Amino acid sequence: MKGFKDFIMKGNLVELAVAFIMATAFAAVVTAFTAIIMELVSKAGGVADFSEWEIAGFKTIGPFLTALIAFLLMAFVVYFFVVKPYEAAKARYMAAPEEAAPAEEIELLREIRDSLRARGTI
């Protein structure tokens, strides 16, 4: 039972669960935004859903076009409203970390090395 408790309490599992919940909520937002854009397309072009379209007898062209437009809209939303702002914030707030001073043991080893070189031992 302790092993199961340790597994559940691991940070990675909790982070994964939170990410899944957030992704599900974000998917609903993106889907709603896509529906708004598709409605605007329907007002401009007269057709929001291309599922009924047939070209040269191919009945699968319409659903493909609908899925393609929805995908492109979702990719647009994700890129311009998530990726770009994240990259900008990361560049602004995540400055390059300053180099930490070497540990005391490293300094001691360097001094020993330099001393041995000065004597001509190595």
PDB file of N, CA and C in Angstrom:
ATOM      1  N   MET A   1       0.821  -1.195   0.000  1.00  0.00           N
ATOM      2  CA  MET A   1       0.000   0.000   0.000  1.00  0.00           C
ATOM      3  C   MET A   1       0.869   1.264   0.000  1.00  0.00           C
ATOM      4  N   LYS A   2       2.037   1.207   0.666  1.00  0.00           N
ATOM      5  CA  LYS A   2       2.918   2.364   0.712  1.00  0.00           C
ATOM      6  C   LYS A   2       3.426   2.713  -0.692  1.00  0.00           C
ATOM      7  N   GLY A   3       3.737   1.681  -1.478  1.00  0.00           N
ATOM      8  CA  GLY A   3       4.212   1.928  -2.837  1.00  0.00           C
ATOM      9  C   GLY A   3       3.168   2.646  -3.677  1.00  0.00           C
ATOM     10  N   PHE A   4       1.907   2.245  -3.518  1.00  0.00           N
ATOM     11  CA  PHE A   4       0.825   2.901  -4.259  1.00  0.00           C
ATOM     12  C   PHE A   4       0.681   4.354  -3.829  1.00  0.00           C
ATOM     13  N   LYS A   5       0.764   4.590  -2.516  1.00  0.00           N
ATOM     14  CA  LYS A   5       0.667   5.958  -2.004  1.00  0.00           C
ATOM     15  C   LYS A   5       1.811   6.815  -2.545  1.00  0.00           C
ATOM     16  N   ASP A   6       3.018   6.255  -2.575  1.00  0.00           N
ATOM     17  CA  ASP A   6       4.170   6.985  -3.113  1.00  0.00           C
ATOM     18  C   ASP A   6       3.967   7.301  -4.586  1.00  0.00           C
ATOM     19  N   PHE A   7       3.403   6.342  -5.321  1.00  0.00           N
ATOM     20  CA  PHE A   7       3.154   6.532  -6.745  1.00  0.00           C
ATOM     21  C   PHE A   7       2.146   7.664  -6.965  1.00  0.00           C
ATOM     22  N   ILE A   8       1.066   7.663  -6.210  1.00  0.00           N
ATOM     23  CA  ILE A   8       0.029   8.682  -6.364  1.00  0.00           C
ATOM     24  C   ILE A   8       0.547  10.057  -5.976  1.00  0.00           C
ATOM     25  N   MET A   9       1.392  10.127  -4.969  1.00  0.00           N
ATOM     26  CA  MET A   9       1.852  11.413  -4.469  1.00  0.00           C
ATOM     27  C   MET A   9       3.049  11.977  -5.225  1.00  0.00           C
ATOM     28  N   LYS A  10       3.537  11.239  -6.210  1.00  0.00           N
ATOM     29  CA  LYS A  10       4.656  11.759  -7.004  1.00  0.00           C
ATOM     30  C   LYS A  10       4.217  13.036  -7.707  1.00  0.00           C
ATOM     31  N   GLY A  11       5.116  13.969  -7.799  1.00  0.00           N
ATOM     32  CA  GLY A  11       4.805  15.242  -8.444  1.00  0.00           C
ATOM     33  C   GLY A  11       4.447  15.094  -9.904  1.00  0.00           C
ATOM     34  N   ASN A  12       5.091  14.178 -10.600  1.00  0.00           N
ATOM     35  CA  ASN A  12       4.839  14.030 -12.028  1.00  0.00           C
ATOM     36  C   ASN A  12       3.399  13.624 -12.309  1.00  0.00           C
ATOM     37  N   LEU A  13       2.864  12.726 -11.515  1.00  0.00           N
ATOM     38  CA  LEU A  13       1.501  12.265 -11.730  1.00  0.00           C
ATOM     39  C   LEU A  13       0.508  13.385 -11.473  1.00  0.00           C
ATOM     40  N   VAL A  14       0.719  14.139 -10.431  1.00  0.00           N
ATOM     41  CA  VAL A  14      -0.170  15.253 -10.112  1.00  0.00           C
ATOM     42  C   VAL A  14      -0.078  16.312 -11.211  1.00  0.00           C
ATOM     43  N   GLU A  15       1.131  16.628 -11.651  1.00  0.00           N
ATOM     44  CA  GLU A  15       1.300  17.608 -12.723  1.00  0.00           C
ATOM     45  C   GLU A  15       0.634  17.145 -14.004  1.00  0.00           C
ATOM     46  N   LEU A  16       0.738  15.877 -14.306  1.00  0.00           N
ATOM     47  CA  LEU A  16       0.099  15.325 -15.497  1.00  0.00           C
ATOM     48  C   LEU A  16      -1.416  15.435 -15.405  1.00  0.00           C
ATOM     49  N   ALA A  17      -1.969  15.147 -14.245  1.00  0.00           N
ATOM     50  CA  ALA A  17      -3.414  15.248 -14.062  1.00  0.00           C
ATOM     51  C   ALA A  17      -3.884  16.689 -14.233  1.00  0.00           C
ATOM     52  N   VAL A  18      -3.153  17.623 -13.658  1.00  0.00           N
ATOM     53  CA  VAL A  18      -3.509  19.036 -13.803  1.00  0.00           C
ATOM     54  C   VAL A  18      -3.405  19.459 -15.263  1.00  0.00           C
ATOM     55  N   ALA A  19      -2.364  19.027 -15.944  1.00  0.00           N
ATOM     56  CA  ALA A  19      -2.203  19.369 -17.362  1.00  0.00           C
ATOM     57  C   ALA A  19      -3.348  18.806 -18.187  1.00  0.00           C
ATOM     58  N   PHE A  20      -3.780  17.603 -17.892  1.00  0.00           N
ATOM     59  CA  PHE A  20      -4.892  16.984 -18.630  1.00  0.00           C
ATOM     60  C   PHE A  20      -6.181  17.775 -18.414  1.00  0.00           C
ATOM     61  N   ILE A  21      -6.440  18.156 -17.179  1.00  0.00           N
ATOM     62  CA  ILE A  21      -7.658  18.928 -16.882  1.00  0.00           C
ATOM     63  C   ILE A  21      -7.613  20.281 -17.583  1.00  0.00           C
ATOM     64  N   MET A  22      -6.465  20.942 -17.524  1.00  0.00           N
ATOM     65  CA  MET A  22      -6.334  22.246 -18.182  1.00  0.00           C
ATOM     66  C   MET A  22      -6.463  22.121 -19.702  1.00  0.00           C
ATOM     67  N   ALA A  23      -5.901  21.064 -20.264  1.00  0.00           N
ATOM     68  CA  ALA A  23      -6.001  20.855 -21.709  1.00  0.00           C
ATOM     69  C   ALA A  23      -7.441  20.618 -22.126  1.00  0.00           C
ATOM     70  N   THR A  24      -8.188  19.884 -21.325  1.00  0.00           N
ATOM     71  CA  THR A  24      -9.591  19.641 -21.636  1.00  0.00           C
ATOM     72  C   THR A  24     -10.382  20.947 -21.608  1.00  0.00           C
ATOM     73  N   ALA A  25     -10.141  21.767 -20.613  1.00  0.00           N
ATOM     74  CA  ALA A  25     -10.824  23.054 -20.527  1.00  0.00           C
ATOM     75  C   ALA A  25     -10.415  23.966 -21.679  1.00  0.00           C
ATOM     76  N   PHE A  26      -9.137  23.965 -22.010  1.00  0.00           N
ATOM     77  CA  PHE A  26      -8.663  24.797 -23.112  1.00  0.00           C
ATOM     78  C   PHE A  26      -9.238  24.322 -24.441  1.00  0.00           C
ATOM     79  N   ALA A  27      -9.388  23.018 -24.600  1.00  0.00           N
ATOM     80  CA  ALA A  27      -9.976  22.481 -25.834  1.00  0.00           C
ATOM     81  C   ALA A  27     -11.401  22.993 -26.004  1.00  0.00           C
ATOM     82  N   ALA A  28     -12.145  23.102 -24.917  1.00  0.00           N
ATOM     83  CA  ALA A  28     -13.510  23.627 -25.001  1.00  0.00           C
ATOM     84  C   ALA A  28     -13.505  25.089 -25.449  1.00  0.00           C
ATOM     85  N   VAL A  29     -12.552  25.862 -24.946  1.00  0.00           N
ATOM     86  CA  VAL A  29     -12.449  27.272 -25.343  1.00  0.00           C
ATOM     87  C   VAL A  29     -12.097  27.382 -26.827  1.00  0.00           C
ATOM     88  N   VAL A  30     -11.130  26.605 -27.270  1.00  0.00           N
ATOM     89  CA  VAL A  30     -10.720  26.655 -28.673  1.00  0.00           C
ATOM     90  C   VAL A  30     -11.857  26.186 -29.579  1.00  0.00           C
ATOM     91  N   THR A  31     -12.586  25.166 -29.174  1.00  0.00           N
ATOM     92  CA  THR A  31     -13.721  24.681 -29.966  1.00  0.00           C
ATOM     93  C   THR A  31     -14.790  25.764 -30.084  1.00  0.00           C
ATOM     94  N   ALA A  32     -15.072  26.463 -28.990  1.00  0.00           N
ATOM     95  CA  ALA A  32     -16.057  27.540 -29.026  1.00  0.00           C
ATOM     96  C   ALA A  32     -15.588  28.676 -29.933  1.00  0.00           C
ATOM     97  N   PHE A  33     -14.312  29.007 -29.853  1.00  0.00           N
ATOM     98  CA  PHE A  33     -13.763  30.057 -30.720  1.00  0.00           C
ATOM     99  C   PHE A  33     -13.842  29.642 -32.186  1.00  0.00           C
ATOM    100  N   THR A  34     -13.548  28.384 -32.466  1.00  0.00           N
ATOM    101  CA  THR A  34     -13.642  27.879 -33.838  1.00  0.00           C
ATOM    102  C   THR A  34     -15.074  27.968 -34.333  1.00  0.00           C
ATOM    103  N   ALA A  35     -16.035  27.662 -33.477  1.00  0.00           N
ATOM    104  CA  ALA A  35     -17.441  27.765 -33.869  1.00  0.00           C
ATOM    105  C   ALA A  35     -17.808  29.208 -34.217  1.00  0.00           C
ATOM    106  N   ILE A  36     -17.272  30.164 -33.453  1.00  0.00           N
ATOM    107  CA  ILE A  36     -17.528  31.580 -33.762  1.00  0.00           C
ATOM    108  C   ILE A  36     -16.960  31.931 -35.136  1.00  0.00           C
ATOM    109  N   ILE A  37     -15.731  31.518 -35.390  1.00  0.00           N
ATOM    110  CA  ILE A  37     -15.101  31.820 -36.682  1.00  0.00           C
ATOM    111  C   ILE A  37     -15.860  31.144 -37.817  1.00  0.00           C
ATOM    112  N   MET A  38     -16.273  29.895 -37.611  1.00  0.00           N
ATOM    113  CA  MET A  38     -17.045  29.192 -38.649  1.00  0.00           C
ATOM    114  C   MET A  38     -18.373  29.901 -38.906  1.00  0.00           C
ATOM    115  N   GLU A  39     -18.972  30.459 -37.872  1.00  0.00           N
ATOM    116  CA  GLU A  39     -20.214  31.211 -38.050  1.00  0.00           C
ATOM    117  C   GLU A  39     -19.955  32.476 -38.866  1.00  0.00           C
ATOM    118  N   LEU A  40     -18.826  33.141 -38.591  1.00  0.00           N
ATOM    119  CA  LEU A  40     -18.466  34.316 -39.391  1.00  0.00           C
ATOM    120  C   LEU A  40     -18.232  33.931 -40.852  1.00  0.00           C
ATOM    121  N   VAL A  41     -17.589  32.778 -41.069  1.00  0.00           N
ATOM    122  CA  VAL A  41     -17.372  32.299 -42.431  1.00  0.00           C
ATOM    123  C   VAL A  41     -18.708  32.030 -43.108  1.00  0.00           C
ATOM    124  N   SER A  42     -19.645  31.454 -42.359  1.00  0.00           N
ATOM    125  CA  SER A  42     -20.957  31.158 -42.951  1.00  0.00           C
ATOM    126  C   SER A  42     -21.703  32.433 -43.301  1.00  0.00           C
ATOM    127  N   LYS A  43     -21.568  33.481 -42.488  1.00  0.00           N
ATOM    128  CA  LYS A  43     -22.224  34.749 -42.793  1.00  0.00           C
ATOM    129  C   LYS A  43     -21.584  35.410 -44.009  1.00  0.00           C
ATOM    130  N   ALA A  44     -20.275  35.250 -44.155  1.00  0.00           N
ATOM    131  CA  ALA A  44     -19.573  35.853 -45.290  1.00  0.00           C
ATOM    132  C   ALA A  44     -19.771  35.034 -46.567  1.00  0.00           C
ATOM    133  N   GLY A  45     -19.711  33.715 -46.430  1.00  0.00           N
ATOM    134  CA  GLY A  45     -19.774  32.869 -47.619  1.00  0.00           C
ATOM    135  C   GLY A  45     -21.052  32.088 -47.778  1.00  0.00           C
ATOM    136  N   GLY A  46     -21.905  32.090 -46.784  1.00  0.00           N
ATOM    137  CA  GLY A  46     -23.181  31.407 -46.899  1.00  0.00           C
ATOM    138  C   GLY A  46     -23.181  29.968 -46.407  1.00  0.00           C
ATOM    139  N   VAL A  47     -22.020  29.369 -46.208  1.00  0.00           N
ATOM    140  CA  VAL A  47     -21.968  27.981 -45.757  1.00  0.00           C
ATOM    141  C   VAL A  47     -20.981  27.875 -44.608  1.00  0.00           C
ATOM    142  N   ALA A  48     -21.447  27.349 -43.467  1.00  0.00           N
ATOM    143  CA  ALA A  48     -20.547  27.170 -42.327  1.00  0.00           C
ATOM    144  C   ALA A  48     -20.009  25.760 -42.271  1.00  0.00           C
ATOM    145  N   ASP A  49     -20.812  24.835 -42.713  1.00  0.00           N
ATOM    146  CA  ASP A  49     -20.443  23.431 -42.658  1.00  0.00           C
ATOM    147  C   ASP A  49     -20.396  22.913 -44.092  1.00  0.00           C
ATOM    148  N   PHE A  50     -19.244  22.455 -44.487  1.00  0.00           N
ATOM    149  CA  PHE A  50     -19.065  22.004 -45.870  1.00  0.00           C
ATOM    150  C   PHE A  50     -19.370  20.517 -46.033  1.00  0.00           C
ATOM    151  N   SER A  51     -19.986  19.904 -45.037  1.00  0.00           N
ATOM    152  CA  SER A  51     -20.211  18.459 -45.051  1.00  0.00           C
ATOM    153  C   SER A  51     -21.089  18.000 -46.206  1.00  0.00           C
ATOM    154  N   GLU A  52     -21.935  18.860 -46.680  1.00  0.00           N
ATOM    155  CA  GLU A  52     -22.846  18.481 -47.762  1.00  0.00           C
ATOM    156  C   GLU A  52     -22.240  18.676 -49.155  1.00  0.00           C
ATOM    157  N   TRP A  53     -21.084  19.256 -49.221  1.00  0.00           N
ATOM    158  CA  TRP A  53     -20.468  19.514 -50.527  1.00  0.00           C
ATOM    159  C   TRP A  53     -20.043  18.210 -51.186  1.00  0.00           C
ATOM    160  N   GLU A  54     -20.247  18.167 -52.487  1.00  0.00           N
ATOM    161  CA  GLU A  54     -19.761  17.050 -53.297  1.00  0.00           C
ATOM    162  C   GLU A  54     -19.048  17.644 -54.499  1.00  0.00           C
ATOM    163  N   ILE A  55     -17.858  17.152 -54.750  1.00  0.00           N
ATOM    164  CA  ILE A  55     -17.112  17.599 -55.920  1.00  0.00           C
ATOM    165  C   ILE A  55     -16.807  16.366 -56.746  1.00  0.00           C
ATOM    166  N   ALA A  56     -17.300  16.362 -57.974  1.00  0.00           N
ATOM    167  CA  ALA A  56     -17.096  15.255 -58.918  1.00  0.00           C
ATOM    168  C   ALA A  56     -17.544  13.919 -58.302  1.00  0.00           C
ATOM    169  N   GLY A  57     -18.620  13.955 -57.519  1.00  0.00           N
ATOM    170  CA  GLY A  57     -19.160  12.729 -56.939  1.00  0.00           C
ATOM    171  C   GLY A  57     -18.484  12.269 -55.655  1.00  0.00           C
ATOM    172  N   PHE A  58     -17.470  12.971 -55.216  1.00  0.00           N
ATOM    173  CA  PHE A  58     -16.795  12.615 -53.965  1.00  0.00           C
ATOM    174  C   PHE A  58     -17.540  13.233 -52.787  1.00  0.00           C
ATOM    175  N   LYS A  59     -18.110  12.392 -51.945  1.00  0.00           N
ATOM    176  CA  LYS A  59     -18.878  12.882 -50.802  1.00  0.00           C
ATOM    177  C   LYS A  59     -17.988  13.171 -49.597  1.00  0.00           C
ATOM    178  N   THR A  60     -16.737  12.774 -49.640  1.00  0.00           N
ATOM    179  CA  THR A  60     -15.843  12.977 -48.499  1.00  0.00           C
ATOM    180  C   THR A  60     -15.081  14.295 -48.565  1.00  0.00           C
ATOM    181  N   ILE A  61     -15.209  15.010 -49.656  1.00  0.00           N
ATOM    182  CA  ILE A  61     -14.507  16.288 -49.804  1.00  0.00           C
ATOM    183  C   ILE A  61     -15.044  17.320 -48.817  1.00  0.00           C
ATOM    184  N   GLY A  62     -16.358  17.409 -48.672  1.00  0.00           N
ATOM    185  CA  GLY A  62     -16.970  18.391 -47.775  1.00  0.00           C
ATOM    186  C   GLY A  62     -16.553  18.219 -46.324  1.00  0.00           C
ATOM    187  N   PRO A  63     -16.704  17.019 -45.761  1.00  0.00           N
ATOM    188  CA  PRO A  63     -16.248  16.842 -44.375  1.00  0.00           C
ATOM    189  C   PRO A  63     -14.752  17.093 -44.204  1.00  0.00           C
ATOM    190  N   PHE A  64     -13.967  16.754 -45.219  1.00  0.00           N
ATOM    191  CA  PHE A  64     -12.528  17.028 -45.158  1.00  0.00           C
ATOM    192  C   PHE A  64     -12.274  18.522 -45.089  1.00  0.00           C
ATOM    193  N   LEU A  65     -12.960  19.307 -45.912  1.00  0.00           N
ATOM    194  CA  LEU A  65     -12.779  20.760 -45.891  1.00  0.00           C
ATOM    195  C   LEU A  65     -13.186  21.346 -44.541  1.00  0.00           C
ATOM    196  N   THR A  66     -14.294  20.855 -43.986  1.00  0.00           N
ATOM    197  CA  THR A  66     -14.724  21.330 -42.673  1.00  0.00           C
ATOM    198  C   THR A  66     -13.670  21.021 -41.618  1.00  0.00           C
ATOM    199  N   ALA A  67     -13.155  19.797 -41.609  1.00  0.00           N
ATOM    200  CA  ALA A  67     -12.132  19.413 -40.637  1.00  0.00           C
ATOM    201  C   ALA A  67     -10.846  20.199 -40.853  1.00  0.00           C
ATOM    202  N   LEU A  68     -10.466  20.440 -42.107  1.00  0.00           N
ATOM    203  CA  LEU A  68      -9.256  21.194 -42.411  1.00  0.00           C
ATOM    204  C   LEU A  68      -9.357  22.638 -41.916  1.00  0.00           C
ATOM    205  N   ILE A  69     -10.489  23.275 -42.172  1.00  0.00           N
ATOM    206  CA  ILE A  69     -10.668  24.654 -41.720  1.00  0.00           C
ATOM    207  C   ILE A  69     -10.675  24.717 -40.199  1.00  0.00           C
ATOM    208  N   ALA A  70     -11.351  23.774 -39.545  1.00  0.00           N
ATOM    209  CA  ALA A  70     -11.372  23.740 -38.078  1.00  0.00           C
ATOM    210  C   ALA A  70      -9.962  23.537 -37.527  1.00  0.00           C
ATOM    211  N   PHE A  71      -9.185  22.653 -38.152  1.00  0.00           N
ATOM    212  CA  PHE A  71      -7.808  22.418 -37.708  1.00  0.00           C
ATOM    213  C   PHE A  71      -6.968  23.673 -37.853  1.00  0.00           C
ATOM    214  N   LEU A  72      -7.054  24.332 -38.995  1.00  0.00           N
ATOM    215  CA  LEU A  72      -6.264  25.542 -39.219  1.00  0.00           C
ATOM    216  C   LEU A  72      -6.646  26.648 -38.230  1.00  0.00           C
ATOM    217  N   LEU A  73      -7.938  26.766 -37.950  1.00  0.00           N
ATOM    218  CA  LEU A  73      -8.365  27.767 -36.976  1.00  0.00           C
ATOM    219  C   LEU A  73      -7.829  27.444 -35.578  1.00  0.00           C
ATOM    220  N   MET A  74      -7.895  26.174 -35.202  1.00  0.00           N
ATOM    221  CA  MET A  74      -7.373  25.782 -33.885  1.00  0.00           C
ATOM    222  C   MET A  74      -5.870  26.000 -33.809  1.00  0.00           C
ATOM    223  N   ALA A  75      -5.160  25.668 -34.873  1.00  0.00           N
ATOM    224  CA  ALA A  75      -3.714  25.881 -34.893  1.00  0.00           C
ATOM    225  C   ALA A  75      -3.397  27.373 -34.784  1.00  0.00           C
ATOM    226  N   PHE A  76      -4.179  28.200 -35.463  1.00  0.00           N
ATOM    227  CA  PHE A  76      -4.010  29.650 -35.393  1.00  0.00           C
ATOM    228  C   PHE A  76      -4.192  30.143 -33.965  1.00  0.00           C
ATOM    229  N   VAL A  77      -5.275  29.706 -33.335  1.00  0.00           N
ATOM    230  CA  VAL A  77      -5.566  30.132 -31.963  1.00  0.00           C
ATOM    231  C   VAL A  77      -4.460  29.691 -31.019  1.00  0.00           C
ATOM    232  N   VAL A  78      -4.062  28.447 -31.110  1.00  0.00           N
ATOM    233  CA  VAL A  78      -3.034  27.937 -30.207  1.00  0.00           C
ATOM    234  C   VAL A  78      -1.712  28.672 -30.415  1.00  0.00           C
ATOM    235  N   TYR A  79      -1.340  28.893 -31.675  1.00  0.00           N
ATOM    236  CA  TYR A  79      -0.055  29.540 -31.933  1.00  0.00           C
ATOM    237  C   TYR A  79      -0.049  30.996 -31.475  1.00  0.00           C
ATOM    238  N   PHE A  80      -1.064  31.765 -31.882  1.00  0.00           N
ATOM    239  CA  PHE A  80      -1.034  33.194 -31.607  1.00  0.00           C
ATOM    240  C   PHE A  80      -1.522  33.573 -30.216  1.00  0.00           C
ATOM    241  N   PHE A  81      -2.304  32.709 -29.569  1.00  0.00           N
ATOM    242  CA  PHE A  81      -2.812  33.058 -28.248  1.00  0.00           C
ATOM    243  C   PHE A  81      -2.170  32.263 -27.119  1.00  0.00           C
ATOM    244  N   VAL A  82      -1.359  31.253 -27.454  1.00  0.00           N
ATOM    245  CA  VAL A  82      -0.693  30.477 -26.412  1.00  0.00           C
ATOM    246  C   VAL A  82       0.822  30.476 -26.630  1.00  0.00           C
ATOM    247  N   VAL A  83       1.263  30.005 -27.789  1.00  0.00           N
ATOM    248  CA  VAL A  83       2.698  29.825 -28.031  1.00  0.00           C
ATOM    249  C   VAL A  83       3.434  31.165 -28.064  1.00  0.00           C
ATOM    250  N   LYS A  84       2.966  32.097 -28.876  1.00  0.00           N
ATOM    251  CA  LYS A  84       3.658  33.390 -28.997  1.00  0.00           C
ATOM    252  C   LYS A  84       3.691  34.153 -27.669  1.00  0.00           C
ATOM    253  N   PRO A  85       2.559  34.300 -26.949  1.00  0.00           N
ATOM    254  CA  PRO A  85       2.644  34.987 -25.652  1.00  0.00           C
ATOM    255  C   PRO A  85       3.547  34.259 -24.655  1.00  0.00           C
ATOM    256  N   TYR A  86       3.520  32.921 -24.677  1.00  0.00           N
ATOM    257  CA  TYR A  86       4.387  32.168 -23.772  1.00  0.00           C
ATOM    258  C   TYR A  86       5.856  32.426 -24.091  1.00  0.00           C
ATOM    259  N   GLU A  87       6.209  32.414 -25.372  1.00  0.00           N
ATOM    260  CA  GLU A  87       7.599  32.671 -25.760  1.00  0.00           C
ATOM    261  C   GLU A  87       8.018  34.084 -25.376  1.00  0.00           C
ATOM    262  N   ALA A  88       7.120  35.057 -25.563  1.00  0.00           N
ATOM    263  CA  ALA A  88       7.449  36.440 -25.202  1.00  0.00           C
ATOM    264  C   ALA A  88       7.647  36.575 -23.693  1.00  0.00           C
ATOM    265  N   ALA A  89       6.756  35.960 -22.928  1.00  0.00           N
ATOM    266  CA  ALA A  89       6.889  36.027 -21.466  1.00  0.00           C
ATOM    267  C   ALA A  89       8.137  35.295 -20.998  1.00  0.00           C
ATOM    268  N   LYS A  90       8.421  34.187 -21.621  1.00  0.00           N
ATOM    269  CA  LYS A  90       9.612  33.418 -21.259  1.00  0.00           C
ATOM    270  C   LYS A  90      10.877  34.222 -21.538  1.00  0.00           C
ATOM    271  N   ALA A  91      10.906  34.889 -22.682  1.00  0.00           N
ATOM    272  CA  ALA A  91      12.077  35.694 -23.028  1.00  0.00           C
ATOM    273  C   ALA A  91      12.218  36.883 -22.082  1.00  0.00           C
ATOM    274  N   ARG A  92      11.106  37.444 -21.658  1.00  0.00           N
ATOM    275  CA  ARG A  92      11.146  38.623 -20.795  1.00  0.00           C
ATOM    276  C   ARG A  92      11.509  38.272 -19.355  1.00  0.00           C
ATOM    277  N   TYR A  93      10.904  37.237 -18.830  1.00  0.00           N
ATOM    278  CA  TYR A  93      11.048  36.946 -17.404  1.00  0.00           C
ATOM    279  C   TYR A  93      12.046  35.853 -17.082  1.00  0.00           C
ATOM    280  N   MET A  94      12.433  35.088 -18.054  1.00  0.00           N
ATOM    281  CA  MET A  94      13.348  33.975 -17.801  1.00  0.00           C
ATOM    282  C   MET A  94      14.707  34.327 -18.380  1.00  0.00           C
ATOM    283  N   ALA A  95      15.346  35.321 -17.798  1.00  0.00           N
ATOM    284  CA  ALA A  95      16.684  35.709 -18.244  1.00  0.00           C
ATOM    285  C   ALA A  95      17.626  34.537 -18.033  1.00  0.00           C
ATOM    286  N   ALA A  96      18.697  34.563 -18.764  1.00  0.00           N
ATOM    287  CA  ALA A  96      19.674  33.475 -18.644  1.00  0.00           C
ATOM    288  C   ALA A  96      20.159  33.388 -17.203  1.00  0.00           C
ATOM    289  N   PRO A  97      20.133  32.191 -16.655  1.00  0.00           N
ATOM    290  CA  PRO A  97      20.573  32.059 -15.259  1.00  0.00           C
ATOM    291  C   PRO A  97      22.062  32.385 -15.130  1.00  0.00           C
ATOM    292  N   GLU A  98      22.373  33.081 -14.067  1.00  0.00           N
ATOM    293  CA  GLU A  98      23.771  33.425 -13.823  1.00  0.00           C
ATOM    294  C   GLU A  98      24.521  32.170 -13.421  1.00  0.00           C
ATOM    295  N   GLU A  99      25.766  32.126 -13.849  1.00  0.00           N
ATOM    296  CA  GLU A  99      26.572  30.954 -13.505  1.00  0.00           C
ATOM    297  C   GLU A  99      26.826  30.945 -12.012  1.00  0.00           C
ATOM    298  N   ALA A 100      26.537  29.815 -11.419  1.00  0.00           N
ATOM    299  CA  ALA A 100      26.771  29.682  -9.985  1.00  0.00           C
ATOM    300  C   ALA A 100      28.264  29.481  -9.750  1.00  0.00           C
ATOM    301  N   ALA A 101      28.708  29.944  -8.623  1.00  0.00           N
ATOM    302  CA  ALA A 101      30.115  29.760  -8.263  1.00  0.00           C
ATOM    303  C   ALA A 101      30.379  28.273  -8.085  1.00  0.00           C
ATOM    304  N   PRO A 102      31.545  27.808  -8.517  1.00  0.00           N
ATOM    305  CA  PRO A 102      31.842  26.386  -8.369  1.00  0.00           C
ATOM    306  C   PRO A 102      31.871  25.977  -6.903  1.00  0.00           C
ATOM    307  N   ALA A 103      31.550  24.751  -6.684  1.00  0.00           N
ATOM    308  CA  ALA A 103      31.525  24.232  -5.318  1.00  0.00           C
ATOM    309  C   ALA A 103      32.923  24.306  -4.705  1.00  0.00           C
ATOM    310  N   GLU A 104      32.967  24.285  -3.388  1.00  0.00           N
ATOM    311  CA  GLU A 104      34.236  24.394  -2.670  1.00  0.00           C
ATOM    312  C   GLU A 104      35.174  23.240  -3.027  1.00  0.00           C
ATOM    313  N   GLU A 105      34.582  22.049  -3.216  1.00  0.00           N
ATOM    314  CA  GLU A 105      35.418  20.892  -3.562  1.00  0.00           C
ATOM    315  C   GLU A 105      36.082  21.065  -4.919  1.00  0.00           C
ATOM    316  N   ILE A 106      35.345  21.665  -5.849  1.00  0.00           N
ATOM    317  CA  ILE A 106      35.892  21.895  -7.191  1.00  0.00           C
ATOM    318  C   ILE A 106      37.056  22.870  -7.114  1.00  0.00           C
ATOM    319  N   GLU A 107      36.880  23.925  -6.346  1.00  0.00           N
ATOM    320  CA  GLU A 107      37.956  24.905  -6.185  1.00  0.00           C
ATOM    321  C   GLU A 107      39.195  24.259  -5.579  1.00  0.00           C
ATOM    322  N   LEU A 108      38.996  23.411  -4.584  1.00  0.00           N
ATOM    323  CA  LEU A 108      40.108  22.726  -3.930  1.00  0.00           C
ATOM    324  C   LEU A 108      40.830  21.815  -4.923  1.00  0.00           C
ATOM    325  N   LEU A 109      40.056  21.081  -5.725  1.00  0.00           N
ATOM    326  CA  LEU A 109      40.674  20.206  -6.730  1.00  0.00           C
ATOM    327  C   LEU A 109      41.449  21.010  -7.767  1.00  0.00           C
ATOM    328  N   ARG A 110      40.938  22.164  -8.144  1.00  0.00           N
ATOM    329  CA  ARG A 110      41.649  23.011  -9.106  1.00  0.00           C
ATOM    330  C   ARG A 110      42.965  23.515  -8.511  1.00  0.00           C
ATOM    331  N   GLU A 111      42.927  23.871  -7.242  1.00  0.00           N
ATOM    332  CA  GLU A 111      44.151  24.335  -6.592  1.00  0.00           C
ATOM    333  C   GLU A 111      45.190  23.216  -6.543  1.00  0.00           C
ATOM    334  N   ILE A 112      44.747  22.008  -6.221  1.00  0.00           N
ATOM    335  CA  ILE A 112      45.665  20.857  -6.194  1.00  0.00           C
ATOM    336  C   ILE A 112      46.246  20.623  -7.583  1.00  0.00           C
ATOM    337  N   ARG A 113      45.386  20.665  -8.612  1.00  0.00           N
ATOM    338  CA  ARG A 113      45.853  20.481  -9.980  1.00  0.00           C
ATOM    339  C   ARG A 113      46.884  21.537 -10.359  1.00  0.00           C
ATOM    340  N   ASP A 114      46.590  22.779 -10.070  1.00  0.00           N
ATOM    341  CA  ASP A 114      47.507  23.860 -10.405  1.00  0.00           C
ATOM    342  C   ASP A 114      48.839  23.722  -9.663  1.00  0.00           C
ATOM    343  N   SER A 115      48.759  23.278  -8.404  1.00  0.00           N
ATOM    344  CA  SER A 115      49.977  23.080  -7.617  1.00  0.00           C
ATOM    345  C   SER A 115      50.825  21.960  -8.214  1.00  0.00           C
ATOM    346  N   LEU A 116      50.182  20.874  -8.624  1.00  0.00           N
ATOM    347  CA  LEU A 116      50.912  19.773  -9.235  1.00  0.00           C
ATOM    348  C   LEU A 116      51.526  20.194 -10.567  1.00  0.00           C
ATOM    349  N   ARG A 117      50.835  20.989 -11.323  1.00  0.00           N
ATOM    350  CA  ARG A 117      51.384  21.481 -12.598  1.00  0.00           C
ATOM    351  C   ARG A 117      52.593  22.378 -12.350  1.00  0.00           C
ATOM    352  N   ALA A 118      52.516  23.208 -11.318  1.00  0.00           N
ATOM    353  CA  ALA A 118      53.612  24.118 -11.007  1.00  0.00           C
ATOM    354  C   ALA A 118      54.868  23.343 -10.618  1.00  0.00           C
ATOM    355  N   ARG A 119      54.702  22.197  -9.974  1.00  0.00           N
ATOM    356  CA  ARG A 119      55.843  21.372  -9.586  1.00  0.00           C
ATOM    357  C   ARG A 119      56.344  20.548 -10.759  1.00  0.00           C
ATOM    358  N   GLY A 120      55.538  20.452 -11.806  1.00  0.00           N
ATOM    359  CA  GLY A 120      55.946  19.642 -12.968  1.00  0.00           C
ATOM    360  C   GLY A 120      55.615  18.183 -12.789  1.00  0.00           C
ATOM    361  N   THR A 121      54.758  17.855 -11.854  1.00  0.00           N
ATOM    362  CA  THR A 121      54.407  16.471 -11.587  1.00  0.00           C
ATOM    363  C   THR A 121      53.461  15.926 -12.665  1.00  0.00           C
ATOM    364  N   ILE A 122      52.600  16.764 -13.181  1.00  0.00           N
ATOM    365  CA  ILE A 122      51.691  16.267 -14.222  1.00  0.00           C
ATOM    366  C   ILE A 122      51.908  16.955 -15.527  1.00  0.00           C
TER     367      ILE A 122
END
